[in-house]
Protein backbone atom coordinates (compact mmCIF):
# COMPACT_ATOMS: atom_id res chain seq x y z
CA MET A 1 -18.16 11.21 -8.42
CA GLU A 2 -17.56 7.50 -8.92
CA LYS A 3 -15.59 6.41 -11.98
CA ASN A 4 -15.81 3.18 -13.92
CA LEU A 5 -12.86 0.78 -13.70
CA THR A 6 -11.18 1.99 -16.89
CA GLU A 7 -11.37 5.63 -15.80
CA ALA A 8 -10.20 4.84 -12.27
CA LEU A 9 -7.18 2.92 -13.60
CA ARG A 10 -6.37 5.69 -16.09
CA HIS A 11 -6.47 8.35 -13.40
CA ARG A 12 -4.81 6.31 -10.63
CA ARG A 13 -1.57 8.13 -9.91
CA SER A 14 0.92 8.77 -7.12
CA TYR A 15 -0.24 11.82 -5.18
CA TYR A 16 2.44 13.41 -3.01
CA ALA A 17 0.44 16.33 -1.64
CA LEU A 18 -2.46 15.22 0.54
CA THR A 19 -4.97 16.82 2.88
CA PRO A 20 -6.56 15.11 5.93
CA ASP A 21 -10.02 15.21 4.37
CA THR A 22 -12.24 12.43 3.12
CA PRO A 23 -15.05 12.17 0.56
CA VAL A 24 -16.49 9.07 2.28
CA THR A 25 -17.08 7.74 5.79
CA ASP A 26 -14.62 5.58 7.71
CA THR A 27 -17.07 2.70 7.35
CA GLU A 28 -16.99 3.06 3.58
CA ILE A 29 -13.19 2.97 3.64
CA GLU A 30 -13.36 -0.24 5.68
CA ARG A 31 -15.75 -1.68 3.09
CA MET A 32 -13.16 -1.03 0.38
CA LEU A 33 -10.61 -3.09 2.30
CA HIS A 34 -13.17 -5.85 2.83
CA PHE A 35 -13.93 -5.85 -0.90
CA ALA A 36 -10.24 -6.00 -1.84
CA LEU A 37 -9.56 -8.88 0.55
CA LYS A 38 -12.58 -10.85 -0.60
CA HIS A 39 -12.38 -10.38 -4.36
CA THR A 40 -8.69 -10.00 -5.25
CA PRO A 41 -7.20 -13.25 -6.58
CA SER A 42 -4.30 -15.07 -4.94
CA ALA A 43 -2.15 -18.03 -5.95
CA TYR A 44 -3.81 -21.32 -4.97
CA ASN A 45 -6.52 -19.17 -3.40
CA SER A 46 -4.05 -18.68 -0.56
CA GLN A 47 -5.70 -15.46 0.68
CA SER A 48 -2.35 -14.63 2.29
CA THR A 49 -2.72 -10.83 2.21
CA ARG A 50 -3.36 -9.02 5.49
CA LEU A 51 -4.39 -5.37 5.63
CA VAL A 52 -4.16 -2.88 8.48
CA LEU A 53 -6.15 0.36 8.22
CA LEU A 54 -4.74 3.24 10.26
CA LEU A 55 -6.97 6.29 10.67
CA HIS A 56 -6.82 9.46 12.79
CA GLU A 57 -4.27 9.21 15.63
CA HIS A 58 -3.13 5.78 14.42
CA HIS A 59 -2.27 7.23 11.01
CA ALA A 60 -0.30 10.03 12.71
CA ALA A 61 1.49 7.50 14.95
CA LEU A 62 2.71 5.51 11.95
CA TRP A 63 4.40 8.48 10.35
CA LYS A 64 6.00 9.45 13.66
CA ILE A 65 7.48 5.94 13.73
CA VAL A 66 8.76 6.40 10.17
CA ALA A 67 10.29 9.77 11.06
CA ARG A 68 12.04 8.34 14.13
CA ALA A 69 13.44 5.42 12.12
CA LEU A 70 14.74 7.70 9.38
CA ARG A 71 16.22 10.20 11.84
CA ALA A 72 18.38 7.35 13.13
CA ALA A 73 19.31 6.19 9.62
CA VAL A 74 20.16 9.39 7.71
CA SER A 75 22.37 12.42 8.34
CA GLU A 76 20.98 15.44 10.16
CA GLU A 77 21.30 17.51 6.98
CA ALA A 78 19.36 14.97 4.90
CA PHE A 79 16.72 14.46 7.58
CA ALA A 80 15.28 17.97 7.25
CA ALA A 81 14.16 17.26 3.68
CA THR A 82 12.98 13.80 4.70
CA GLN A 83 10.85 15.19 7.53
CA ALA A 84 9.32 17.77 5.18
CA LYS A 85 8.39 15.03 2.71
CA ILE A 86 6.81 12.90 5.44
CA ASP A 87 4.84 15.87 6.78
CA ARG A 88 3.64 17.09 3.38
CA SER A 89 3.12 13.86 1.46
CA PHE A 90 2.22 11.12 3.93
CA ALA A 91 1.37 12.27 7.45
CA SER A 92 -0.74 15.08 5.99
CA GLY A 93 -3.25 12.57 4.58
CA TYR A 94 -6.36 11.01 6.06
CA GLY A 95 -5.14 7.47 6.64
CA THR A 96 -2.70 4.72 5.71
CA VAL A 97 -3.17 1.11 4.65
CA LEU A 98 -0.42 -1.33 5.61
CA PHE A 99 -0.02 -4.34 3.31
CA TYR A 100 1.21 -7.55 4.89
CA GLU A 101 1.66 -11.13 3.74
CA ASP A 102 1.11 -13.96 6.22
CA SER A 103 4.29 -16.06 6.19
CA SER A 104 2.55 -18.98 7.89
CA VAL A 105 0.19 -19.32 4.92
CA VAL A 106 3.13 -19.30 2.51
CA ARG A 107 5.02 -21.94 4.52
CA ALA A 108 1.95 -24.17 4.70
CA LEU A 109 1.63 -24.08 0.91
CA GLN A 110 5.34 -24.85 0.53
CA GLN A 111 4.91 -27.93 2.70
CA ARG A 112 1.73 -29.01 0.93
CA PHE A 113 3.14 -28.53 -2.58
CA PRO A 114 6.93 -29.11 -2.28
CA LEU A 115 7.43 -29.14 -6.06
CA TYR A 116 6.53 -25.41 -6.10
CA ALA A 117 8.04 -24.49 -2.72
CA GLY A 118 10.40 -21.94 -4.24
CA ASN A 119 7.58 -20.20 -6.08
CA PHE A 120 5.23 -19.50 -3.19
CA PRO A 121 7.20 -16.54 -1.74
CA VAL A 122 7.23 -14.97 -5.23
CA TRP A 123 3.54 -15.68 -5.75
CA SER A 124 2.85 -14.12 -2.35
CA GLU A 125 4.48 -10.90 -3.61
CA HIS A 126 2.26 -11.08 -6.70
CA THR A 127 -0.78 -11.49 -4.48
CA SER A 128 0.17 -8.42 -2.46
CA ALA A 129 0.76 -6.40 -5.63
CA MET A 130 -2.72 -7.24 -6.89
CA HIS A 131 -4.26 -6.14 -3.59
CA GLN A 132 -2.27 -2.92 -3.75
CA LEU A 133 -3.57 -2.09 -7.22
CA VAL A 134 -7.16 -3.02 -6.37
CA LEU A 135 -7.21 -0.89 -3.24
CA TRP A 136 -5.35 2.01 -4.88
CA THR A 137 -7.94 1.97 -7.66
CA LEU A 138 -10.86 1.81 -5.22
CA LEU A 139 -9.46 4.80 -3.32
CA GLU A 140 -9.04 6.69 -6.60
CA GLU A 141 -12.58 5.82 -7.60
CA VAL A 142 -14.09 7.71 -4.64
CA GLY A 143 -11.79 10.73 -4.95
CA PHE A 144 -8.79 9.94 -2.76
CA GLY A 145 -5.19 10.39 -3.84
CA ALA A 146 -2.62 7.84 -2.66
CA SER A 147 0.93 6.65 -3.11
CA LEU A 148 2.80 3.47 -2.31
CA GLN A 149 5.71 3.63 0.12
CA HIS A 150 8.28 1.09 1.34
CA TYR A 151 9.81 2.06 4.67
CA ASN A 152 10.12 -1.56 5.67
CA PRO A 153 12.20 -3.15 7.10
CA LEU A 154 13.27 -0.01 9.00
CA ILE A 155 9.88 0.28 10.70
CA ASP A 156 8.79 -3.36 10.92
CA THR A 157 9.50 -4.04 14.59
CA ALA A 158 8.16 -0.72 15.88
CA VAL A 159 4.96 -1.04 13.85
CA ARG A 160 4.41 -4.62 14.97
CA ARG A 161 4.79 -3.59 18.61
CA GLN A 162 2.67 -0.45 18.29
CA TRP A 163 -0.37 -2.35 17.01
CA SER A 164 0.36 -5.83 18.45
CA LEU A 165 0.49 -7.45 15.02
CA PRO A 166 1.39 -11.13 14.56
CA GLU A 167 5.03 -12.05 14.08
CA GLU A 168 4.04 -14.10 11.03
CA TRP A 169 2.83 -11.02 9.17
CA ARG A 170 5.53 -9.62 6.85
CA LEU A 171 5.22 -5.93 6.00
CA ILE A 172 5.28 -5.27 2.25
CA ALA A 173 4.20 -1.65 1.73
CA GLN A 174 2.44 1.40 3.14
CA MET A 175 -0.25 3.35 1.25
CA PRO A 176 -0.98 6.83 2.67
CA PHE A 177 -4.13 8.42 1.26
CA GLY A 178 -6.14 11.62 1.54
CA LEU A 179 -7.74 14.22 -0.66
CA PRO A 180 -5.27 15.51 -3.27
CA ALA A 181 -3.88 18.96 -2.49
CA ALA A 182 -2.13 19.30 -5.85
CA GLU A 183 -2.06 17.65 -9.25
CA PRO A 184 0.30 14.69 -9.66
CA ASP A 185 3.41 14.95 -11.80
CA GLU A 186 3.05 14.43 -15.53
CA LYS A 187 3.13 10.74 -16.43
CA THR A 188 5.15 9.57 -19.40
CA PHE A 189 4.60 6.37 -21.35
CA GLU A 190 7.02 4.09 -23.15
CA PRO A 191 5.75 2.99 -26.57
CA ILE A 192 3.24 0.18 -26.27
CA GLU A 193 4.72 -1.44 -29.39
CA ALA A 194 8.00 -2.03 -27.53
CA ARG A 195 6.20 -3.55 -24.53
CA MET A 196 3.73 -5.93 -26.14
CA ARG A 197 3.73 -8.57 -28.84
CA VAL A 198 0.69 -10.08 -30.51
CA PHE A 199 0.65 -13.30 -32.52
CA ARG A 200 -2.53 -14.03 -34.49
């Protein structure tokens, strides 16, 4: 059942137990990415975000790349728990969205507006974050569970080679998604009064 925006944001959580099932078609998932790319704001209308949707064997291939990278980076004892987490929480899902920022777009803006050159890399991160929230919320709205992962830069080169992605694209995050297999952990909230000030 579709939720309204307020409900989708309220219920958007990190799901760490996923199944490889889907409530919608692959085409509908693609439409969500199209919507996010078209309607999410970006600094100076830069439209610097790039998305890669990995489904089926491509989704599985990504998490094999992550596992190989981590096997080389952590101890054998620690890797057993790491592999279990990858298998249960990420690879077990239906797909993964990769979030990239196009460095060539950022550089072009730095050259065009030198006064703000130092800000554009930061604003690019803001742009990516907005796309992440929009897409996470859209996935939640149709019934998917998702989480946001950051295995870059460990996997950057292997992922770029695997899917022949442009050198200018900088990997920001990975969002595995699937149908939730368990409820998310309880969420706690800091007092709003300590986080917001209003002057009337």
